[in-house]
Amino acid sequence: MSKVVRLDPIGQEATVRTNDHLLSALLKQELQVLQECGGRGMCATCHIFIKEGMEHLSPVSRRERRTLGVIATCQQQSRLACQSKVVGEGVVVELPSGMYLNEMSEIENLIGRRAEENILHPLDGRVLVETGKLITRSMITQLKETQSEVATQVATSQLN
């Protein structure tokens, strides 16, 4: 059986099968949602806010709680889309403002430009470059360090 999920502020709706993750609803809408950790709940790249219907989602797991604890923009209604299973109707998701970069080459193409929206750190969601600020080469170094952090976290979790 399918459930309808509303995506704000883009004003779209997506259907998702009962017990499927919210991430599948976001991907169905062709949204550029990163999955740095492969949907294991270890990064902040699918961080979302639940505006309505938190009770219609699976409970927060220990791993998700730990990851949410390091996200700078985390709020009481924060969830990770890859860990939130839809179990009932009435879920309204608010997509965080900001932009996660898919690849290193994306930021290299942006060097010297002003950010059109916040550029967020893929692990903890903190703002790396604020809207309107100049994007510098130092961002590449920060993102390369982040990629190795993600790889380390994923490798460690596979051993446990």
N, C-alpha and C. Protein backbone atom coordinates (compact mmCIF):
# COMPACT_ATOMS: atom_id res chain seq x y z
N MET A 1 0.85 -1.19 0.00
CA MET A 1 0.00 0.00 0.00
C MET A 1 0.89 1.24 0.00
N SER A 2 0.48 2.26 -0.73
CA SER A 2 1.28 3.48 -0.85
C SER A 2 0.76 4.59 0.05
N LYS A 3 1.69 5.46 0.43
CA LYS A 3 1.37 6.64 1.23
C LYS A 3 1.81 7.86 0.43
N VAL A 4 1.11 8.97 0.60
CA VAL A 4 1.46 10.22 -0.07
C VAL A 4 2.27 11.07 0.90
N VAL A 5 3.37 11.59 0.42
CA VAL A 5 4.24 12.47 1.21
C VAL A 5 4.29 13.81 0.49
N ARG A 6 4.07 14.91 1.23
CA ARG A 6 4.14 16.25 0.64
C ARG A 6 5.51 16.84 0.91
N LEU A 7 6.09 17.45 -0.11
CA LEU A 7 7.41 18.05 -0.02
C LEU A 7 7.30 19.57 -0.08
N ASP A 8 7.69 20.23 1.00
CA ASP A 8 7.67 21.69 1.06
C ASP A 8 9.10 22.19 1.07
N PRO A 9 9.44 23.32 0.62
CA PRO A 9 8.56 24.35 0.04
C PRO A 9 8.36 24.21 -1.46
N ILE A 10 8.73 23.09 -2.06
CA ILE A 10 8.62 22.97 -3.51
C ILE A 10 7.22 22.61 -3.97
N GLY A 11 6.32 22.30 -3.04
CA GLY A 11 4.93 22.07 -3.37
C GLY A 11 4.66 20.83 -4.20
N GLN A 12 5.44 19.78 -4.01
CA GLN A 12 5.24 18.54 -4.75
C GLN A 12 4.77 17.45 -3.80
N GLU A 13 4.16 16.42 -4.37
CA GLU A 13 3.77 15.24 -3.61
C GLU A 13 4.42 14.03 -4.23
N ALA A 14 4.76 13.07 -3.40
CA ALA A 14 5.36 11.82 -3.88
C ALA A 14 4.68 10.67 -3.17
N THR A 15 4.54 9.56 -3.87
CA THR A 15 4.00 8.37 -3.22
C THR A 15 5.17 7.46 -2.86
N VAL A 16 5.00 6.82 -1.73
CA VAL A 16 6.02 5.89 -1.25
C VAL A 16 5.29 4.69 -0.65
N ARG A 17 5.81 3.51 -0.87
CA ARG A 17 5.18 2.31 -0.31
C ARG A 17 5.31 2.33 1.21
N THR A 18 4.35 1.78 1.87
CA THR A 18 4.39 1.65 3.33
C THR A 18 5.68 0.94 3.73
N ASN A 19 6.37 1.48 4.70
CA ASN A 19 7.65 0.99 5.23
C ASN A 19 8.85 1.28 4.33
N ASP A 20 8.67 2.07 3.27
CA ASP A 20 9.81 2.55 2.50
C ASP A 20 10.32 3.84 3.15
N HIS A 21 11.57 4.14 2.91
CA HIS A 21 12.18 5.34 3.50
C HIS A 21 11.77 6.59 2.75
N LEU A 22 11.77 7.71 3.46
CA LEU A 22 11.47 8.99 2.84
C LEU A 22 12.45 9.32 1.71
N LEU A 23 13.66 8.80 1.81
CA LEU A 23 14.65 9.06 0.77
C LEU A 23 14.13 8.63 -0.60
N SER A 24 13.40 7.52 -0.66
CA SER A 24 12.87 7.07 -1.95
C SER A 24 11.87 8.08 -2.50
N ALA A 25 11.09 8.73 -1.65
CA ALA A 25 10.15 9.76 -2.10
C ALA A 25 10.91 10.95 -2.68
N LEU A 26 12.02 11.33 -2.04
CA LEU A 26 12.80 12.46 -2.54
C LEU A 26 13.45 12.13 -3.88
N LEU A 27 13.97 10.92 -3.99
CA LEU A 27 14.63 10.52 -5.24
C LEU A 27 13.63 10.38 -6.39
N LYS A 28 12.39 9.98 -6.08
CA LYS A 28 11.35 9.88 -7.12
C LYS A 28 11.06 11.23 -7.74
N GLN A 29 11.27 12.29 -6.96
CA GLN A 29 11.01 13.64 -7.45
C GLN A 29 12.23 14.22 -8.16
N GLU A 30 13.23 13.37 -8.40
CA GLU A 30 14.46 13.75 -9.08
C GLU A 30 15.19 14.88 -8.36
N LEU A 31 15.08 14.89 -7.04
CA LEU A 31 15.81 15.87 -6.23
C LEU A 31 17.25 15.40 -6.08
N GLN A 32 18.17 16.31 -6.10
CA GLN A 32 19.59 15.98 -5.99
C GLN A 32 19.94 15.75 -4.52
N VAL A 33 19.58 14.60 -4.01
CA VAL A 33 19.86 14.26 -2.62
C VAL A 33 21.08 13.35 -2.59
N LEU A 34 22.09 13.78 -1.88
CA LEU A 34 23.29 12.96 -1.75
C LEU A 34 23.03 11.78 -0.83
N GLN A 35 23.81 10.75 -1.00
CA GLN A 35 23.76 9.59 -0.12
C GLN A 35 25.21 9.20 0.16
N GLU A 36 25.95 10.11 0.78
CA GLU A 36 27.38 9.90 1.02
C GLU A 36 27.67 8.57 1.69
N CYS A 37 26.83 8.17 2.64
CA CYS A 37 27.10 6.94 3.39
C CYS A 37 26.33 5.75 2.82
N GLY A 38 25.69 5.94 1.69
CA GLY A 38 24.94 4.85 1.07
C GLY A 38 23.64 4.53 1.79
N GLY A 39 23.06 5.48 2.47
CA GLY A 39 21.79 5.27 3.16
C GLY A 39 21.91 4.54 4.48
N ARG A 40 23.07 4.62 5.11
CA ARG A 40 23.29 3.93 6.38
C ARG A 40 23.05 4.82 7.60
N GLY A 41 22.64 6.06 7.39
CA GLY A 41 22.35 6.95 8.51
C GLY A 41 23.58 7.50 9.20
N MET A 42 24.67 7.63 8.47
CA MET A 42 25.93 8.06 9.09
C MET A 42 26.40 9.43 8.63
N CYS A 43 25.68 10.07 7.72
CA CYS A 43 26.08 11.40 7.27
C CYS A 43 24.85 12.31 7.33
N ALA A 44 25.02 13.54 7.00
CA ALA A 44 23.92 14.50 7.08
C ALA A 44 23.35 14.85 5.71
N THR A 45 23.72 14.12 4.69
CA THR A 45 23.37 14.54 3.34
C THR A 45 21.89 14.38 3.01
N CYS A 46 21.14 13.61 3.77
CA CYS A 46 19.70 13.50 3.52
C CYS A 46 18.90 14.06 4.71
N HIS A 47 19.50 14.99 5.44
CA HIS A 47 18.84 15.63 6.58
C HIS A 47 17.63 16.42 6.08
N ILE A 48 16.49 16.21 6.73
CA ILE A 48 15.24 16.90 6.40
C ILE A 48 14.54 17.31 7.69
N PHE A 49 13.50 18.11 7.54
CA PHE A 49 12.66 18.49 8.68
C PHE A 49 11.26 17.95 8.43
N ILE A 50 10.62 17.45 9.48
CA ILE A 50 9.26 16.94 9.38
C ILE A 50 8.32 18.03 9.91
N LYS A 51 7.54 18.61 9.00
CA LYS A 51 6.60 19.68 9.39
C LYS A 51 5.35 19.10 10.03
N GLU A 52 4.90 17.97 9.50
CA GLU A 52 3.70 17.30 10.02
C GLU A 52 3.88 15.80 9.88
N GLY A 53 3.27 15.05 10.77
CA GLY A 53 3.21 13.61 10.63
C GLY A 53 4.38 12.83 11.19
N MET A 54 5.12 13.40 12.14
CA MET A 54 6.24 12.67 12.74
C MET A 54 5.78 11.32 13.30
N GLU A 55 4.55 11.28 13.80
CA GLU A 55 4.02 10.05 14.38
C GLU A 55 3.73 8.98 13.32
N HIS A 56 3.78 9.36 12.05
CA HIS A 56 3.55 8.42 10.96
C HIS A 56 4.85 7.92 10.34
N LEU A 57 5.96 8.13 11.08
CA LEU A 57 7.26 7.63 10.66
C LEU A 57 7.78 6.62 11.68
N SER A 58 8.70 5.78 11.24
CA SER A 58 9.34 4.84 12.17
C SER A 58 10.07 5.61 13.26
N PRO A 59 10.27 5.00 14.43
CA PRO A 59 11.00 5.68 15.51
C PRO A 59 12.45 5.95 15.12
N VAL A 60 13.04 6.95 15.75
CA VAL A 60 14.45 7.30 15.52
C VAL A 60 15.33 6.20 16.12
N SER A 61 16.23 5.66 15.31
CA SER A 61 17.14 4.61 15.80
C SER A 61 18.31 5.25 16.53
N ARG A 62 19.08 4.43 17.21
CA ARG A 62 20.26 4.90 17.94
C ARG A 62 21.27 5.53 16.97
N ARG A 63 21.49 4.88 15.85
CA ARG A 63 22.44 5.41 14.85
C ARG A 63 21.97 6.76 14.33
N GLU A 64 20.68 6.88 14.00
CA GLU A 64 20.15 8.15 13.50
C GLU A 64 20.28 9.24 14.56
N ARG A 65 19.95 8.91 15.80
CA ARG A 65 20.06 9.88 16.89
C ARG A 65 21.50 10.39 17.02
N ARG A 66 22.45 9.47 16.90
CA ARG A 66 23.87 9.84 17.01
C ARG A 66 24.27 10.78 15.86
N THR A 67 23.84 10.47 14.66
CA THR A 67 24.16 11.31 13.51
C THR A 67 23.48 12.67 13.62
N LEU A 68 22.22 12.69 13.99
CA LEU A 68 21.51 13.96 14.16
C LEU A 68 22.19 14.83 15.21
N GLY A 69 22.81 14.21 16.19
CA GLY A 69 23.48 14.95 17.27
C GLY A 69 24.66 15.78 16.82
N VAL A 70 25.22 15.48 15.65
CA VAL A 70 26.37 16.27 15.17
C VAL A 70 26.00 17.24 14.06
N ILE A 71 24.75 17.26 13.65
CA ILE A 71 24.32 18.17 12.59
C ILE A 71 24.07 19.55 13.19
N ALA A 72 24.78 20.53 12.68
CA ALA A 72 24.69 21.89 13.22
C ALA A 72 23.30 22.49 13.08
N THR A 73 22.57 22.11 12.04
CA THR A 73 21.25 22.69 11.79
C THR A 73 20.12 21.80 12.32
N CYS A 74 20.45 20.82 13.15
CA CYS A 74 19.46 19.88 13.68
C CYS A 74 18.44 20.61 14.56
N GLN A 75 17.19 20.21 14.40
CA GLN A 75 16.10 20.74 15.21
C GLN A 75 15.30 19.56 15.75
N GLN A 76 14.33 19.86 16.59
CA GLN A 76 13.52 18.80 17.19
C GLN A 76 12.81 17.96 16.12
N GLN A 77 12.43 18.59 15.02
CA GLN A 77 11.72 17.86 13.97
C GLN A 77 12.65 17.32 12.88
N SER A 78 13.95 17.28 13.13
CA SER A 78 14.91 16.76 12.16
C SER A 78 14.86 15.24 12.07
N ARG A 79 15.05 14.74 10.86
CA ARG A 79 15.20 13.31 10.61
C ARG A 79 16.17 13.12 9.46
N LEU A 80 16.64 11.90 9.30
CA LEU A 80 17.42 11.52 8.14
C LEU A 80 16.46 10.77 7.21
N ALA A 81 16.36 11.20 5.97
CA ALA A 81 15.41 10.60 5.03
C ALA A 81 15.69 9.12 4.81
N CYS A 82 16.98 8.73 4.89
CA CYS A 82 17.33 7.33 4.64
C CYS A 82 16.94 6.42 5.80
N GLN A 83 16.64 6.98 6.96
CA GLN A 83 16.30 6.18 8.14
C GLN A 83 14.84 6.27 8.53
N SER A 84 14.08 7.15 7.88
CA SER A 84 12.69 7.41 8.25
C SER A 84 11.74 6.63 7.36
N LYS A 85 11.18 5.57 7.91
CA LYS A 85 10.22 4.76 7.15
C LYS A 85 8.83 5.34 7.32
N VAL A 86 8.09 5.43 6.22
CA VAL A 86 6.73 5.96 6.23
C VAL A 86 5.78 4.83 6.60
N VAL A 87 5.05 5.00 7.71
CA VAL A 87 4.12 3.97 8.16
C VAL A 87 2.67 4.44 8.14
N GLY A 88 2.44 5.74 7.87
CA GLY A 88 1.08 6.27 7.83
C GLY A 88 0.99 7.49 6.94
N GLU A 89 -0.23 7.95 6.72
CA GLU A 89 -0.50 9.13 5.88
C GLU A 89 -0.24 10.41 6.64
N GLY A 90 -0.06 11.50 5.90
CA GLY A 90 0.00 12.82 6.50
C GLY A 90 1.39 13.33 6.79
N VAL A 91 2.43 12.78 6.17
CA VAL A 91 3.79 13.25 6.40
C VAL A 91 4.07 14.41 5.46
N VAL A 92 4.54 15.51 6.05
CA VAL A 92 4.94 16.68 5.27
C VAL A 92 6.41 16.94 5.59
N VAL A 93 7.23 16.92 4.54
CA VAL A 93 8.67 17.08 4.66
C VAL A 93 9.06 18.47 4.22
N GLU A 94 9.88 19.14 5.03
CA GLU A 94 10.46 20.41 4.62
C GLU A 94 11.92 20.17 4.27
N LEU A 95 12.28 20.52 3.06
CA LEU A 95 13.66 20.36 2.62
C LEU A 95 14.48 21.52 3.15
N PRO A 96 15.63 21.25 3.79
CA PRO A 96 16.45 22.34 4.34
C PRO A 96 16.91 23.27 3.24
N SER A 97 16.98 24.56 3.57
CA SER A 97 17.53 25.48 2.59
C SER A 97 19.03 25.26 2.57
N GLY A 98 19.60 25.40 1.42
CA GLY A 98 21.02 25.16 1.27
C GLY A 98 21.26 24.15 0.17
N MET A 99 22.50 23.91 -0.09
CA MET A 99 22.85 23.09 -1.22
C MET A 99 23.97 22.16 -0.83
N TYR A 100 23.78 20.88 -1.09
CA TYR A 100 24.84 19.91 -0.91
C TYR A 100 25.47 19.66 -2.27
N LEU A 101 26.76 19.60 -2.34
CA LEU A 101 27.43 19.39 -3.61
C LEU A 101 27.58 17.91 -3.89
N ASN A 102 27.36 17.51 -5.13
CA ASN A 102 27.47 16.10 -5.51
C ASN A 102 28.90 15.66 -5.73
N GLU A 103 29.71 16.53 -6.29
CA GLU A 103 31.07 16.15 -6.63
C GLU A 103 32.00 17.31 -6.41
N MET A 104 33.26 16.99 -6.24
CA MET A 104 34.29 17.99 -6.07
C MET A 104 34.34 18.94 -7.24
N SER A 105 34.11 18.43 -8.45
CA SER A 105 34.19 19.27 -9.64
C SER A 105 33.14 20.37 -9.61
N GLU A 106 32.01 20.13 -8.92
CA GLU A 106 30.99 21.16 -8.84
C GLU A 106 31.51 22.41 -8.17
N ILE A 107 32.23 22.26 -7.06
CA ILE A 107 32.72 23.45 -6.37
C ILE A 107 33.86 24.10 -7.14
N GLU A 108 34.66 23.29 -7.83
CA GLU A 108 35.73 23.87 -8.63
C GLU A 108 35.16 24.78 -9.70
N ASN A 109 34.00 24.43 -10.25
CA ASN A 109 33.35 25.27 -11.25
C ASN A 109 32.76 26.54 -10.64
N LEU A 110 32.56 26.54 -9.32
CA LEU A 110 31.96 27.70 -8.66
C LEU A 110 32.98 28.68 -8.08
N ILE A 111 34.26 28.32 -8.07
CA ILE A 111 35.28 29.18 -7.48
C ILE A 111 35.24 30.55 -8.15
N GLY A 112 35.26 31.58 -7.30
CA GLY A 112 35.24 32.95 -7.79
C GLY A 112 33.85 33.52 -7.95
N ARG A 113 32.83 32.69 -7.80
CA ARG A 113 31.44 33.16 -7.88
C ARG A 113 30.91 33.36 -6.47
N ARG A 114 29.79 34.01 -6.38
CA ARG A 114 29.10 34.16 -5.11
C ARG A 114 28.07 33.03 -4.98
N ALA A 115 27.96 32.48 -3.79
CA ALA A 115 27.01 31.39 -3.55
C ALA A 115 25.58 31.91 -3.70
N GLU A 116 24.79 31.20 -4.51
CA GLU A 116 23.40 31.58 -4.71
C GLU A 116 22.53 31.14 -3.53
N GLU A 117 23.00 30.13 -2.81
CA GLU A 117 22.36 29.69 -1.58
C GLU A 117 23.45 29.10 -0.70
N ASN A 118 23.13 28.86 0.56
CA ASN A 118 24.15 28.30 1.45
C ASN A 118 24.68 26.99 0.90
N ILE A 119 25.99 26.79 1.02
CA ILE A 119 26.61 25.51 0.68
C ILE A 119 26.89 24.82 2.00
N LEU A 120 26.34 23.62 2.16
CA LEU A 120 26.37 22.92 3.44
C LEU A 120 27.42 21.82 3.46
N HIS A 121 28.00 21.60 4.64
CA HIS A 121 28.95 20.51 4.87
C HIS A 121 28.17 19.21 4.81
N PRO A 122 28.61 18.22 4.01
CA PRO A 122 27.82 17.00 3.84
C PRO A 122 27.74 16.09 5.06
N LEU A 123 28.62 16.25 6.04
CA LEU A 123 28.55 15.40 7.23
C LEU A 123 27.71 15.99 8.34
N ASP A 124 27.91 17.26 8.64
CA ASP A 124 27.21 17.81 9.80
C ASP A 124 26.24 18.94 9.47
N GLY A 125 26.13 19.28 8.19
CA GLY A 125 25.14 20.26 7.78
C GLY A 125 25.48 21.70 8.08
N ARG A 126 26.66 21.96 8.63
CA ARG A 126 27.00 23.36 8.92
C ARG A 126 27.24 24.10 7.61
N VAL A 127 27.06 25.40 7.66
CA VAL A 127 27.20 26.22 6.46
C VAL A 127 28.68 26.44 6.17
N LEU A 128 29.13 26.02 4.99
CA LEU A 128 30.50 26.24 4.57
C LEU A 128 30.65 27.60 3.89
N VAL A 129 29.70 27.93 3.04
CA VAL A 129 29.70 29.22 2.36
C VAL A 129 28.29 29.78 2.45
N GLU A 130 28.16 30.98 3.02
CA GLU A 130 26.85 31.61 3.15
C GLU A 130 26.40 32.21 1.82
N THR A 131 25.09 32.31 1.66
CA THR A 131 24.51 32.93 0.49
C THR A 131 25.13 34.31 0.27
N GLY A 132 25.55 34.56 -0.96
CA GLY A 132 26.11 35.86 -1.30
C GLY A 132 27.61 35.98 -1.09
N LYS A 133 28.22 35.02 -0.38
CA LYS A 133 29.66 35.07 -0.11
C LYS A 133 30.43 34.46 -1.27
N LEU A 134 31.67 34.88 -1.40
CA LEU A 134 32.56 34.40 -2.45
C LEU A 134 33.01 32.97 -2.16
N ILE A 135 32.98 32.12 -3.16
CA ILE A 135 33.43 30.73 -3.03
C ILE A 135 34.92 30.70 -3.37
N THR A 136 35.73 30.20 -2.43
CA THR A 136 37.19 30.24 -2.58
C THR A 136 37.77 28.84 -2.76
N ARG A 137 39.01 28.81 -3.16
CA ARG A 137 39.72 27.55 -3.37
C ARG A 137 39.87 26.76 -2.06
N SER A 138 39.88 27.44 -0.92
CA SER A 138 40.02 26.73 0.36
C SER A 138 38.86 25.77 0.60
N MET A 139 37.73 26.00 -0.07
CA MET A 139 36.58 25.10 0.06
C MET A 139 36.93 23.71 -0.47
N ILE A 140 37.74 23.64 -1.52
CA ILE A 140 38.12 22.35 -2.09
C ILE A 140 38.86 21.52 -1.05
N THR A 141 39.78 22.16 -0.33
CA THR A 141 40.53 21.46 0.71
C THR A 141 39.59 20.93 1.79
N GLN A 142 38.66 21.76 2.23
CA GLN A 142 37.71 21.33 3.25
C GLN A 142 36.88 20.15 2.77
N LEU A 143 36.42 20.18 1.53
CA LEU A 143 35.60 19.11 1.02
C LEU A 143 36.40 17.82 0.81
N LYS A 144 37.65 17.93 0.42
CA LYS A 144 38.49 16.73 0.30
C LYS A 144 38.66 16.06 1.65
N GLU A 145 38.85 16.87 2.70
CA GLU A 145 38.97 16.32 4.06
C GLU A 145 37.66 15.63 4.44
N THR A 146 36.55 16.22 4.06
CA THR A 146 35.24 15.65 4.37
C THR A 146 35.06 14.31 3.69
N GLN A 147 35.47 14.20 2.44
CA GLN A 147 35.33 12.93 1.73
C GLN A 147 36.08 11.82 2.44
N SER A 148 37.27 12.12 2.97
CA SER A 148 38.02 11.08 3.68
C SER A 148 37.36 10.76 5.01
N GLU A 149 36.74 11.77 5.67
CA GLU A 149 36.00 11.52 6.92
C GLU A 149 34.84 10.56 6.67
N VAL A 150 34.11 10.78 5.60
CA VAL A 150 32.98 9.91 5.26
C VAL A 150 33.47 8.49 5.00
N ALA A 151 34.53 8.37 4.21
CA ALA A 151 35.07 7.06 3.89
C ALA A 151 35.50 6.32 5.16
N THR A 152 36.11 7.03 6.09
CA THR A 152 36.54 6.44 7.36
C THR A 152 35.31 5.97 8.16
N GLN A 153 34.28 6.81 8.25
CA GLN A 153 33.09 6.44 9.00
C GLN A 153 32.41 5.21 8.40
N VAL A 154 32.32 5.16 7.09
CA VAL A 154 31.67 4.02 6.43
C VAL A 154 32.49 2.75 6.67
N ALA A 155 33.82 2.84 6.54
CA ALA A 155 34.69 1.67 6.76
C ALA A 155 34.57 1.18 8.19
N THR A 156 34.54 2.09 9.16
CA THR A 156 34.43 1.72 10.57
C THR A 156 33.09 1.03 10.84
N SER A 157 32.02 1.53 10.24
CA SER A 157 30.69 0.94 10.48
C SER A 157 30.60 -0.46 9.89
N GLN A 158 31.31 -0.71 8.80
CA GLN A 158 31.26 -2.04 8.19
C GLN A 158 31.99 -3.06 9.03
N LEU A 159 32.94 -2.62 9.84
CA LEU A 159 33.66 -3.53 10.72
C LEU A 159 32.84 -3.91 11.94
N ASN A 160 31.91 -3.02 12.33
CA ASN A 160 31.10 -3.26 13.54
C ASN A 160 29.89 -4.10 13.26
